[in-house]
Amino acid sequence: LRIAQNQLAYTELQAPDDGIVTATGADPGQVVAAGQMVIEISR
């Protein structure tokens, strides 16, 4: 149950640090794999 709850929380991507978005790797509607770059953030 804890794993399932964590996976549910993982469906929302949050910024790990303050920074500036320097690149994007996926658009809405696209199927992405686990670990695939979606947002690139430069501190």
PDB file of all heavy atoms in Angstrom:
ATOM      1  N   LEU A   1       0.838  -1.207   0.000  1.00  0.00           N
ATOM      2  CA  LEU A   1       0.000   0.000   0.000  1.00  0.00           C
ATOM      3  C   LEU A   1       0.870   1.254   0.000  1.00  0.00           C
ATOM      4  O   LEU A   1       0.567   2.219  -0.705  1.00  0.00           O
ATOM      5  CB  LEU A   1      -0.928  -0.018   1.208  1.00  0.00           C
ATOM      6  CG  LEU A   1      -1.849   1.204   1.357  1.00  0.00           C
ATOM      7  CD1 LEU A   1      -2.754   1.339   0.126  1.00  0.00           C
ATOM      8  CD2 LEU A   1      -2.679   1.116   2.631  1.00  0.00           C
ATOM      9  N   ARG A   2       1.953   1.231   0.791  1.00  0.00           N
ATOM     10  CA  ARG A   2       2.854   2.393   0.792  1.00  0.00           C
ATOM     11  C   ARG A   2       3.486   2.592  -0.585  1.00  0.00           C
ATOM     12  O   ARG A   2       3.633   3.731  -1.056  1.00  0.00           O
ATOM     13  CB  ARG A   2       3.930   2.214   1.857  1.00  0.00           C
ATOM     14  CG  ARG A   2       3.414   2.352   3.283  1.00  0.00           C
ATOM     15  CD  ARG A   2       4.559   2.482   4.274  1.00  0.00           C
ATOM     16  NE  ARG A   2       5.373   1.264   4.322  1.00  0.00           N
ATOM     17  CZ  ARG A   2       5.150   0.243   5.136  1.00  0.00           C
ATOM     18  NH1 ARG A   2       4.099   0.277   5.983  1.00  0.00           N
ATOM     19  NH2 ARG A   2       5.947  -0.816   5.140  1.00  0.00           N
ATOM     20  N   ILE A   3       3.868   1.480  -1.249  1.00  0.00           N
ATOM     21  CA  ILE A   3       4.436   1.593  -2.598  1.00  0.00           C
ATOM     22  C   ILE A   3       3.419   2.188  -3.559  1.00  0.00           C
ATOM     23  O   ILE A   3       3.734   3.076  -4.369  1.00  0.00           O
ATOM     24  CB  ILE A   3       4.909   0.207  -3.084  1.00  0.00           C
ATOM     25  CG1 ILE A   3       6.105  -0.260  -2.254  1.00  0.00           C
ATOM     26  CG2 ILE A   3       5.278   0.257  -4.560  1.00  0.00           C
ATOM     27  CD1 ILE A   3       6.553  -1.680  -2.561  1.00  0.00           C
ATOM     28  N   ALA A   4       2.180   1.710  -3.479  1.00  0.00           N
ATOM     29  CA  ALA A   4       1.134   2.213  -4.372  1.00  0.00           C
ATOM     30  C   ALA A   4       0.863   3.695  -4.112  1.00  0.00           C
ATOM     31  O   ALA A   4       0.648   4.476  -5.050  1.00  0.00           O
ATOM     32  CB  ALA A   4      -0.141   1.395  -4.187  1.00  0.00           C
ATOM     33  N   GLN A   5       0.876   4.082  -2.843  1.00  0.00           N
ATOM     34  CA  GLN A   5       0.656   5.497  -2.510  1.00  0.00           C
ATOM     35  C   GLN A   5       1.811   6.371  -3.013  1.00  0.00           C
ATOM     36  O   GLN A   5       1.595   7.485  -3.498  1.00  0.00           O
ATOM     37  CB  GLN A   5       0.482   5.648  -0.997  1.00  0.00           C
ATOM     38  CG  GLN A   5      -0.818   5.053  -0.477  1.00  0.00           C
ATOM     39  CD  GLN A   5      -0.882   5.014   1.037  1.00  0.00           C
ATOM     40  OE1 GLN A   5       0.164   5.039   1.722  1.00  0.00           O
ATOM     41  NE2 GLN A   5      -2.081   4.946   1.602  1.00  0.00           N
ATOM     42  N   ASN A   6       3.056   5.840  -2.894  1.00  0.00           N
ATOM     43  CA  ASN A   6       4.210   6.586  -3.413  1.00  0.00           C
ATOM     44  C   ASN A   6       4.125   6.734  -4.922  1.00  0.00           C
ATOM     45  O   ASN A   6       4.401   7.807  -5.476  1.00  0.00           O
ATOM     46  CB  ASN A   6       5.505   5.883  -3.028  1.00  0.00           C
ATOM     47  CG  ASN A   6       5.822   5.997  -1.549  1.00  0.00           C
ATOM     48  OD1 ASN A   6       5.326   6.894  -0.871  1.00  0.00           O
ATOM     49  ND2 ASN A   6       6.643   5.090  -1.035  1.00  0.00           N
ATOM     50  N   GLN A   7       3.748   5.656  -5.603  1.00  0.00           N
ATOM     51  CA  GLN A   7       3.629   5.732  -7.061  1.00  0.00           C
ATOM     52  C   GLN A   7       2.552   6.720  -7.475  1.00  0.00           C
ATOM     53  O   GLN A   7       2.705   7.420  -8.486  1.00  0.00           O
ATOM     54  CB  GLN A   7       3.328   4.339  -7.623  1.00  0.00           C
ATOM     55  CG  GLN A   7       4.503   3.386  -7.535  1.00  0.00           C
ATOM     56  CD  GLN A   7       4.180   2.009  -8.071  1.00  0.00           C
ATOM     57  OE1 GLN A   7       3.014   1.609  -8.126  1.00  0.00           O
ATOM     58  NE2 GLN A   7       5.213   1.259  -8.445  1.00  0.00           N
ATOM     59  N   LEU A   8       1.492   6.783  -6.690  1.00  0.00           N
ATOM     60  CA  LEU A   8       0.458   7.777  -6.978  1.00  0.00           C
ATOM     61  C   LEU A   8       1.016   9.186  -6.806  1.00  0.00           C
ATOM     62  O   LEU A   8       0.732  10.085  -7.615  1.00  0.00           O
ATOM     63  CB  LEU A   8      -0.734   7.561  -6.050  1.00  0.00           C
ATOM     64  CG  LEU A   8      -1.885   8.568  -6.173  1.00  0.00           C
ATOM     65  CD1 LEU A   8      -2.484   8.524  -7.584  1.00  0.00           C
ATOM     66  CD2 LEU A   8      -2.962   8.298  -5.126  1.00  0.00           C
ATOM     67  N   ALA A   9       1.828   9.387  -5.767  1.00  0.00           N
ATOM     68  CA  ALA A   9       2.428  10.710  -5.554  1.00  0.00           C
ATOM     69  C   ALA A   9       3.437  11.038  -6.648  1.00  0.00           C
ATOM     70  O   ALA A   9       3.619  12.211  -7.003  1.00  0.00           O
ATOM     71  CB  ALA A   9       3.102  10.760  -4.183  1.00  0.00           C
ATOM     72  N   TYR A  10       4.089  10.001  -7.213  1.00  0.00           N
ATOM     73  CA  TYR A  10       5.088  10.236  -8.257  1.00  0.00           C
ATOM     74  C   TYR A  10       4.473  10.725  -9.557  1.00  0.00           C
ATOM     75  O   TYR A  10       5.196  11.172 -10.461  1.00  0.00           O
ATOM     76  CB  TYR A  10       5.872   8.961  -8.533  1.00  0.00           C
ATOM     77  CG  TYR A  10       6.736   8.501  -7.379  1.00  0.00           C
ATOM     78  CD1 TYR A  10       7.089   7.146  -7.254  1.00  0.00           C
ATOM     79  CD2 TYR A  10       7.197   9.381  -6.415  1.00  0.00           C
ATOM     80  CE1 TYR A  10       7.882   6.708  -6.196  1.00  0.00           C
ATOM     81  CE2 TYR A  10       7.982   8.951  -5.354  1.00  0.00           C
ATOM     82  CZ  TYR A  10       8.320   7.609  -5.257  1.00  0.00           C
ATOM     83  OH  TYR A  10       9.093   7.175  -4.202  1.00  0.00           O
ATOM     84  N   THR A  11       3.159  10.647  -9.701  1.00  0.00           N
ATOM     85  CA  THR A  11       2.526  11.135 -10.929  1.00  0.00           C
ATOM     86  C   THR A  11       2.524  12.663 -10.993  1.00  0.00           C
ATOM     87  O   THR A  11       2.148  13.224 -12.019  1.00  0.00           O
ATOM     88  CB  THR A  11       1.074  10.622 -11.031  1.00  0.00           C
ATOM     89  OG1 THR A  11       0.320  11.074  -9.891  1.00  0.00           O
ATOM     90  CG2 THR A  11       1.046   9.096 -11.079  1.00  0.00           C
ATOM     91  N   GLU A  12       2.939  13.313  -9.927  1.00  0.00           N
ATOM     92  CA  GLU A  12       3.098  14.778  -9.933  1.00  0.00           C
ATOM     93  C   GLU A  12       4.579  15.102  -9.814  1.00  0.00           C
ATOM     94  O   GLU A  12       5.231  14.709  -8.852  1.00  0.00           O
ATOM     95  CB  GLU A  12       2.315  15.418  -8.793  1.00  0.00           C
ATOM     96  CG  GLU A  12       2.378  16.939  -8.809  1.00  0.00           C
ATOM     97  CD  GLU A  12       1.509  17.575  -7.747  1.00  0.00           C
ATOM     98  OE1 GLU A  12       0.273  17.513  -7.886  1.00  0.00           O
ATOM     99  OE2 GLU A  12       2.078  18.141  -6.778  1.00  0.00           O
ATOM    100  N   LEU A  13       5.104  15.815 -10.805  1.00  0.00           N
ATOM    101  CA  LEU A  13       6.529  16.144 -10.843  1.00  0.00           C
ATOM    102  C   LEU A  13       6.748  17.495 -10.173  1.00  0.00           C
ATOM    103  O   LEU A  13       6.116  18.490 -10.537  1.00  0.00           O
ATOM    104  CB  LEU A  13       7.022  16.184 -12.288  1.00  0.00           C
ATOM    105  CG  LEU A  13       8.533  16.325 -12.508  1.00  0.00           C
ATOM    106  CD1 LEU A  13       9.275  15.128 -11.929  1.00  0.00           C
ATOM    107  CD2 LEU A  13       8.840  16.462 -13.997  1.00  0.00           C
ATOM    108  N   GLN A  14       7.683  17.527  -9.210  1.00  0.00           N
ATOM    109  CA  GLN A  14       7.965  18.750  -8.470  1.00  0.00           C
ATOM    110  C   GLN A  14       9.425  19.154  -8.654  1.00  0.00           C
ATOM    111  O   GLN A  14      10.294  18.303  -8.894  1.00  0.00           O
ATOM    112  CB  GLN A  14       7.661  18.556  -6.987  1.00  0.00           C
ATOM    113  CG  GLN A  14       6.199  18.270  -6.690  1.00  0.00           C
ATOM    114  CD  GLN A  14       5.938  18.080  -5.214  1.00  0.00           C
ATOM    115  OE1 GLN A  14       6.861  17.896  -4.428  1.00  0.00           O
ATOM    116  NE2 GLN A  14       4.665  18.112  -4.825  1.00  0.00           N
ATOM    117  N   ALA A  15       9.687  20.460  -8.540  1.00  0.00           N
ATOM    118  CA  ALA A  15      11.044  20.987  -8.706  1.00  0.00           C
ATOM    119  C   ALA A  15      11.910  20.584  -7.518  1.00  0.00           C
ATOM    120  O   ALA A  15      11.526  20.813  -6.370  1.00  0.00           O
ATOM    121  CB  ALA A  15      11.009  22.500  -8.835  1.00  0.00           C
ATOM    122  N   PRO A  16      13.080  19.980  -7.763  1.00  0.00           N
ATOM    123  CA  PRO A  16      13.948  19.584  -6.654  1.00  0.00           C
ATOM    124  C   PRO A  16      14.694  20.752  -6.022  1.00  0.00           C
ATOM    125  O   PRO A  16      15.116  20.675  -4.865  1.00  0.00           O
ATOM    126  CB  PRO A  16      14.923  18.604  -7.308  1.00  0.00           C
ATOM    127  CG  PRO A  16      14.991  19.055  -8.733  1.00  0.00           C
ATOM    128  CD  PRO A  16      13.624  19.575  -9.061  1.00  0.00           C
ATOM    129  N   ASP A  17      14.896  21.849  -6.777  1.00  0.00           N
ATOM    130  CA  ASP A  17      15.623  23.019  -6.281  1.00  0.00           C
ATOM    131  C   ASP A  17      15.088  24.276  -6.949  1.00  0.00           C
ATOM    132  O   ASP A  17      14.366  24.210  -7.957  1.00  0.00           O
ATOM    133  CB  ASP A  17      17.127  22.899  -6.569  1.00  0.00           C
ATOM    134  CG  ASP A  17      17.785  21.759  -5.821  1.00  0.00           C
ATOM    135  OD1 ASP A  17      17.878  21.844  -4.588  1.00  0.00           O
ATOM    136  OD2 ASP A  17      18.195  20.774  -6.473  1.00  0.00           O
ATOM    137  N   ASP A  18      15.470  25.414  -6.409  1.00  0.00           N
ATOM    138  CA  ASP A  18      15.202  26.683  -7.093  1.00  0.00           C
ATOM    139  C   ASP A  18      16.073  26.751  -8.342  1.00  0.00           C
ATOM    140  O   ASP A  18      17.226  26.305  -8.341  1.00  0.00           O
ATOM    141  CB  ASP A  18      15.533  27.869  -6.194  1.00  0.00           C
ATOM    142  CG  ASP A  18      14.660  27.904  -4.949  1.00  0.00           C
ATOM    143  OD1 ASP A  18      13.667  27.159  -4.908  1.00  0.00           O
ATOM    144  OD2 ASP A  18      14.982  28.680  -4.030  1.00  0.00           O
ATOM    145  N   GLY A  19      15.528  27.311  -9.409  1.00  0.00           N
ATOM    146  CA  GLY A  19      16.342  27.423 -10.617  1.00  0.00           C
ATOM    147  C   GLY A  19      15.544  27.948 -11.791  1.00  0.00           C
ATOM    148  O   GLY A  19      14.448  28.501 -11.636  1.00  0.00           O
ATOM    149  N   ILE A  20      16.132  27.761 -12.974  1.00  0.00           N
ATOM    150  CA  ILE A  20      15.532  28.220 -14.226  1.00  0.00           C
ATOM    151  C   ILE A  20      15.368  27.022 -15.154  1.00  0.00           C
ATOM    152  O   ILE A  20      16.283  26.201 -15.290  1.00  0.00           O
ATOM    153  CB  ILE A  20      16.400  29.295 -14.894  1.00  0.00           C
ATOM    154  CG1 ILE A  20      16.492  30.533 -13.995  1.00  0.00           C
ATOM    155  CG2 ILE A  20      15.848  29.687 -16.257  1.00  0.00           C
ATOM    156  CD1 ILE A  20      17.419  31.604 -14.524  1.00  0.00           C
ATOM    157  N   VAL A  21      14.211  26.912 -15.791  1.00  0.00           N
ATOM    158  CA  VAL A  21      13.969  25.841 -16.753  1.00  0.00           C
ATOM    159  C   VAL A  21      14.750  26.149 -18.027  1.00  0.00           C
ATOM    160  O   VAL A  21      14.524  27.180 -18.672  1.00  0.00           O
ATOM    161  CB  VAL A  21      12.467  25.698 -17.061  1.00  0.00           C
ATOM    162  CG1 VAL A  21      12.232  24.621 -18.122  1.00  0.00           C
ATOM    163  CG2 VAL A  21      11.697  25.364 -15.793  1.00  0.00           C
ATOM    164  N   THR A  22      15.694  25.289 -18.372  1.00  0.00           N
ATOM    165  CA  THR A  22      16.527  25.519 -19.555  1.00  0.00           C
ATOM    166  C   THR A  22      16.163  24.609 -20.725  1.00  0.00           C
ATOM    167  O   THR A  22      16.641  24.831 -21.836  1.00  0.00           O
ATOM    168  CB  THR A  22      18.010  25.321 -19.208  1.00  0.00           C
ATOM    169  OG1 THR A  22      18.176  24.076 -18.516  1.00  0.00           O
ATOM    170  CG2 THR A  22      18.511  26.441 -18.312  1.00  0.00           C
ATOM    171  N   ALA A  23      15.324  23.598 -20.486  1.00  0.00           N
ATOM    172  CA  ALA A  23      14.908  22.716 -21.579  1.00  0.00           C
ATOM    173  C   ALA A  23      13.705  21.903 -21.134  1.00  0.00           C
ATOM    174  O   ALA A  23      13.482  21.686 -19.935  1.00  0.00           O
ATOM    175  CB  ALA A  23      16.041  21.793 -22.005  1.00  0.00           C
ATOM    176  N   THR A  24      12.914  21.454 -22.116  1.00  0.00           N
ATOM    177  CA  THR A  24      11.801  20.539 -21.858  1.00  0.00           C
ATOM    178  C   THR A  24      11.967  19.331 -22.769  1.00  0.00           C
ATOM    179  O   THR A  24      12.480  19.442 -23.878  1.00  0.00           O
ATOM    180  CB  THR A  24      10.442  21.218 -22.116  1.00  0.00           C
ATOM    181  OG1 THR A  24      10.387  21.664 -23.481  1.00  0.00           O
ATOM    182  CG2 THR A  24      10.239  22.400 -21.189  1.00  0.00           C
ATOM    183  N   GLY A  25      11.499  18.167 -22.265  1.00  0.00           N
ATOM    184  CA  GLY A  25      11.705  16.937 -23.031  1.00  0.00           C
ATOM    185  C   GLY A  25      10.448  16.199 -23.404  1.00  0.00           C
ATOM    186  O   GLY A  25      10.527  15.151 -24.058  1.00  0.00           O
ATOM    187  N   ALA A  26       9.278  16.699 -23.021  1.00  0.00           N
ATOM    188  CA  ALA A  26       8.023  16.022 -23.356  1.00  0.00           C
ATOM    189  C   ALA A  26       6.887  17.025 -23.326  1.00  0.00           C
ATOM    190  O   ALA A  26       6.931  18.020 -22.605  1.00  0.00           O
ATOM    191  CB  ALA A  26       7.754  14.881 -22.380  1.00  0.00           C
ATOM    192  N   ASP A  27       5.855  16.734 -24.130  1.00  0.00           N
ATOM    193  CA  ASP A  27       4.675  17.590 -24.206  1.00  0.00           C
ATOM    194  C   ASP A  27       3.449  16.823 -23.738  1.00  0.00           C
ATOM    195  O   ASP A  27       3.430  15.575 -23.765  1.00  0.00           O
ATOM    196  CB  ASP A  27       4.464  18.080 -25.645  1.00  0.00           C
ATOM    197  CG  ASP A  27       5.596  18.982 -26.115  1.00  0.00           C
ATOM    198  OD1 ASP A  27       6.041  19.813 -25.312  1.00  0.00           O
ATOM    199  OD2 ASP A  27       6.027  18.839 -27.276  1.00  0.00           O
ATOM    200  N   PRO A  28       2.404  17.517 -23.298  1.00  0.00           N
ATOM    201  CA  PRO A  28       1.173  16.838 -22.872  1.00  0.00           C
ATOM    202  C   PRO A  28       0.638  15.916 -23.955  1.00  0.00           C
ATOM    203  O   PRO A  28       0.658  16.237 -25.149  1.00  0.00           O
ATOM    204  CB  PRO A  28       0.217  18.003 -22.583  1.00  0.00           C
ATOM    205  CG  PRO A  28       1.121  19.135 -22.212  1.00  0.00           C
ATOM    206  CD  PRO A  28       2.332  18.974 -23.080  1.00  0.00           C
ATOM    207  N   GLY A  29       0.157  14.751 -23.524  1.00  0.00           N
ATOM    208  CA  GLY A  29      -0.339  13.745 -24.443  1.00  0.00           C
ATOM    209  C   GLY A  29       0.687  12.677 -24.770  1.00  0.00           C
ATOM    210  O   GLY A  29       0.342  11.600 -25.258  1.00  0.00           O
ATOM    211  N   GLN A  30       1.947  12.961 -24.499  1.00  0.00           N
ATOM    212  CA  GLN A  30       3.023  12.013 -24.799  1.00  0.00           C
ATOM    213  C   GLN A  30       3.151  11.003 -23.664  1.00  0.00           C
ATOM    214  O   GLN A  30       3.018  11.336 -22.492  1.00  0.00           O
ATOM    215  CB  GLN A  30       4.332  12.770 -24.982  1.00  0.00           C
ATOM    216  CG  GLN A  30       5.527  11.912 -25.343  1.00  0.00           C
ATOM    217  CD  GLN A  30       6.759  12.763 -25.587  1.00  0.00           C
ATOM    218  OE1 GLN A  30       6.665  13.980 -25.796  1.00  0.00           O
ATOM    219  NE2 GLN A  30       7.918  12.126 -25.563  1.00  0.00           N
ATOM    220  N   VAL A  31       3.391   9.729 -24.025  1.00  0.00           N
ATOM    221  CA  VAL A  31       3.639   8.688 -23.034  1.00  0.00           C
ATOM    222  C   VAL A  31       5.131   8.688 -22.719  1.00  0.00           C
ATOM    223  O   VAL A  31       5.960   8.555 -23.625  1.00  0.00           O
ATOM    224  CB  VAL A  31       3.200   7.312 -23.541  1.00  0.00           C
ATOM    225  CG1 VAL A  31       3.557   6.224 -22.529  1.00  0.00           C
ATOM    226  CG2 VAL A  31       1.694   7.301 -23.800  1.00  0.00           C
ATOM    227  N   VAL A  32       5.466   8.867 -21.448  1.00  0.00           N
ATOM    228  CA  VAL A  32       6.866   8.950 -21.034  1.00  0.00           C
ATOM    229  C   VAL A  32       7.205   7.745 -20.169  1.00  0.00           C
ATOM    230  O   VAL A  32       6.344   7.188 -19.478  1.00  0.00           O
ATOM    231  CB  VAL A  32       7.153  10.257 -20.264  1.00  0.00           C
ATOM    232  CG1 VAL A  32       6.903  11.469 -21.148  1.00  0.00           C
ATOM    233  CG2 VAL A  32       6.300  10.345 -19.013  1.00  0.00           C
ATOM    234  N   ALA A  33       8.485   7.364 -20.218  1.00  0.00           N
ATOM    235  CA  ALA A  33       8.964   6.255 -19.406  1.00  0.00           C
ATOM    236  C   ALA A  33       9.513   6.780 -18.092  1.00  0.00           C
ATOM    237  O   ALA A  33       9.839   7.971 -17.965  1.00  0.00           O
ATOM    238  CB  ALA A  33      10.046   5.480 -20.164  1.00  0.00           C
ATOM    239  N   ALA A  34       9.628   5.894 -17.134  1.00  0.00           N
ATOM    240  CA  ALA A  34      10.202   6.289 -15.846  1.00  0.00           C
ATOM    241  C   ALA A  34      11.646   6.732 -16.050  1.00  0.00           C
ATOM    242  O   ALA A  34      12.433   6.048 -16.705  1.00  0.00           O
ATOM    243  CB  ALA A  34      10.144   5.114 -14.871  1.00  0.00           C
ATOM    244  N   GLY A  35      11.986   7.892 -15.498  1.00  0.00           N
ATOM    245  CA  GLY A  35      13.340   8.426 -15.615  1.00  0.00           C
ATOM    246  C   GLY A  35      13.579   9.275 -16.844  1.00  0.00           C
ATOM    247  O   GLY A  35      14.634   9.913 -16.947  1.00  0.00           O
ATOM    248  N   GLN A  36      12.652   9.308 -17.802  1.00  0.00           N
ATOM    249  CA  GLN A  36      12.838  10.127 -19.000  1.00  0.00           C
ATOM    250  C   GLN A  36      12.814  11.608 -18.639  1.00  0.00           C
ATOM    251  O   GLN A  36      11.994  12.059 -17.850  1.00  0.00           O
ATOM    252  CB  GLN A  36      11.742   9.809 -20.006  1.00  0.00           C
ATOM    253  CG  GLN A  36      11.803  10.639 -21.285  1.00  0.00           C
ATOM    254  CD  GLN A  36      10.684  10.292 -22.241  1.00  0.00           C
ATOM    255  OE1 GLN A  36      10.104   9.196 -22.163  1.00  0.00           O
ATOM    256  NE2 GLN A  36      10.358  11.207 -23.136  1.00  0.00           N
ATOM    257  N   MET A  37      13.750  12.385 -19.239  1.00  0.00           N
ATOM    258  CA  MET A  37      13.815  13.814 -18.938  1.00  0.00           C
ATOM    259  C   MET A  37      12.570  14.525 -19.458  1.00  0.00           C
ATOM    260  O   MET A  37      12.230  14.445 -20.635  1.00  0.00           O
ATOM    261  CB  MET A  37      15.063  14.431 -19.567  1.00  0.00           C
ATOM    262  CG  MET A  37      15.346  15.868 -19.092  1.00  0.00           C
ATOM    263  SD  MET A  37      14.463  17.158 -20.012  1.00  0.00           S
ATOM    264  CE  MET A  37      15.430  17.226 -21.512  1.00  0.00           C
ATOM    265  N   VAL A  38      11.898  15.224 -18.541  1.00  0.00           N
ATOM    266  CA  VAL A  38      10.736  16.012 -18.909  1.00  0.00           C
ATOM    267  C   VAL A  38      11.042  17.505 -18.773  1.00  0.00           C
ATOM    268  O   VAL A  38      10.672  18.304 -19.623  1.00  0.00           O
ATOM    269  CB  VAL A  38       9.525  15.631 -18.031  1.00  0.00           C
ATOM    270  CG1 VAL A  38       8.316  16.495 -18.368  1.00  0.00           C
ATOM    271  CG2 VAL A  38       9.181  14.155 -18.207  1.00  0.00           C
ATOM    272  N   ILE A  39      11.747  17.869 -17.706  1.00  0.00           N
ATOM    273  CA  ILE A  39      12.121  19.265 -17.452  1.00  0.00           C
ATOM    274  C   ILE A  39      13.597  19.300 -17.061  1.00  0.00           C
ATOM    275  O   ILE A  39      14.047  18.488 -16.259  1.00  0.00           O
ATOM    276  CB  ILE A  39      11.287  19.880 -16.310  1.00  0.00           C
ATOM    277  CG1 ILE A  39       9.784  19.773 -16.612  1.00  0.00           C
ATOM    278  CG2 ILE A  39      11.690  21.329 -16.075  1.00  0.00           C
ATOM    279  CD1 ILE A  39       9.304  20.654 -17.717  1.00  0.00           C
ATOM    280  N   GLU A  40      14.357  20.237 -17.638  1.00  0.00           N
ATOM    281  CA  GLU A  40      15.740  20.460 -17.232  1.00  0.00           C
ATOM    282  C   GLU A  40      15.813  21.771 -16.462  1.00  0.00           C
ATOM    283  O   GLU A  40      15.392  22.816 -16.954  1.00  0.00           O
ATOM    284  CB  GLU A  40      16.673  20.515 -18.447  1.00  0.00           C
ATOM    285  CG  GLU A  40      18.137  20.683 -18.077  1.00  0.00           C
ATOM    286  CD  GLU A  40      19.029  20.795 -19.298  1.00  0.00           C
ATOM    287  OE1 GLU A  40      19.105  21.910 -19.863  1.00  0.00           O
ATOM    288  OE2 GLU A  40      19.634  19.785 -19.696  1.00  0.00           O
ATOM    289  N   ILE A  41      16.352  21.683 -15.246  1.00  0.00           N
ATOM    290  CA  ILE A  41      16.431  22.854 -14.366  1.00  0.00           C
ATOM    291  C   ILE A  41      17.892  23.169 -14.068  1.00  0.00           C
ATOM    292  O   ILE A  41      18.653  22.285 -13.652  1.00  0.00           O
ATOM    293  CB  ILE A  41      15.665  22.610 -13.053  1.00  0.00           C
ATOM    294  CG1 ILE A  41      14.188  22.361 -13.344  1.00  0.00           C
ATOM    295  CG2 ILE A  41      15.821  23.789 -12.106  1.00  0.00           C
ATOM    296  CD1 ILE A  41      13.368  22.052 -12.115  1.00  0.00           C
ATOM    297  N   SER A  42      18.276  24.404 -14.294  1.00  0.00           N
ATOM    298  CA  SER A  42      19.627  24.874 -13.974  1.00  0.00           C
ATOM    299  C   SER A  42      19.543  25.791 -12.766  1.00  0.00           C
ATOM    300  O   SER A  42      18.801  26.777 -12.777  1.00  0.00           O
ATOM    301  CB  SER A  42      20.235  25.631 -15.162  1.00  0.00           C
ATOM    302  OG  SER A  42      20.381  24.787 -16.286  1.00  0.00           O
ATOM    303  N   ARG A  43      20.309  25.445 -11.744  1.00  0.00           N
ATOM    304  CA  ARG A  43      20.338  26.295 -10.564  1.00  0.00           C
ATOM    305  C   ARG A  43      21.009  27.616 -10.900  1.00  0.00           C
ATOM    306  O   ARG A  43      22.044  27.649 -11.577  1.00  0.00           O
ATOM    307  CB  ARG A  43      21.063  25.598  -9.426  1.00  0.00           C
ATOM    308  CG  ARG A  43      20.254  24.465  -8.812  1.00  0.00           C
ATOM    309  CD  ARG A  43      21.009  23.713  -7.757  1.00  0.00           C
ATOM    310  NE  ARG A  43      21.552  24.590  -6.724  1.00  0.00           N
ATOM    311  CZ  ARG A  43      22.191  24.157  -5.644  1.00  0.00           C
ATOM    312  NH1 ARG A  43      22.387  22.852  -5.471  1.00  0.00           N
ATOM    313  NH2 ARG A  43      22.646  24.997  -4.746  1.00  0.00           N
TER     314      ARG A  43
END
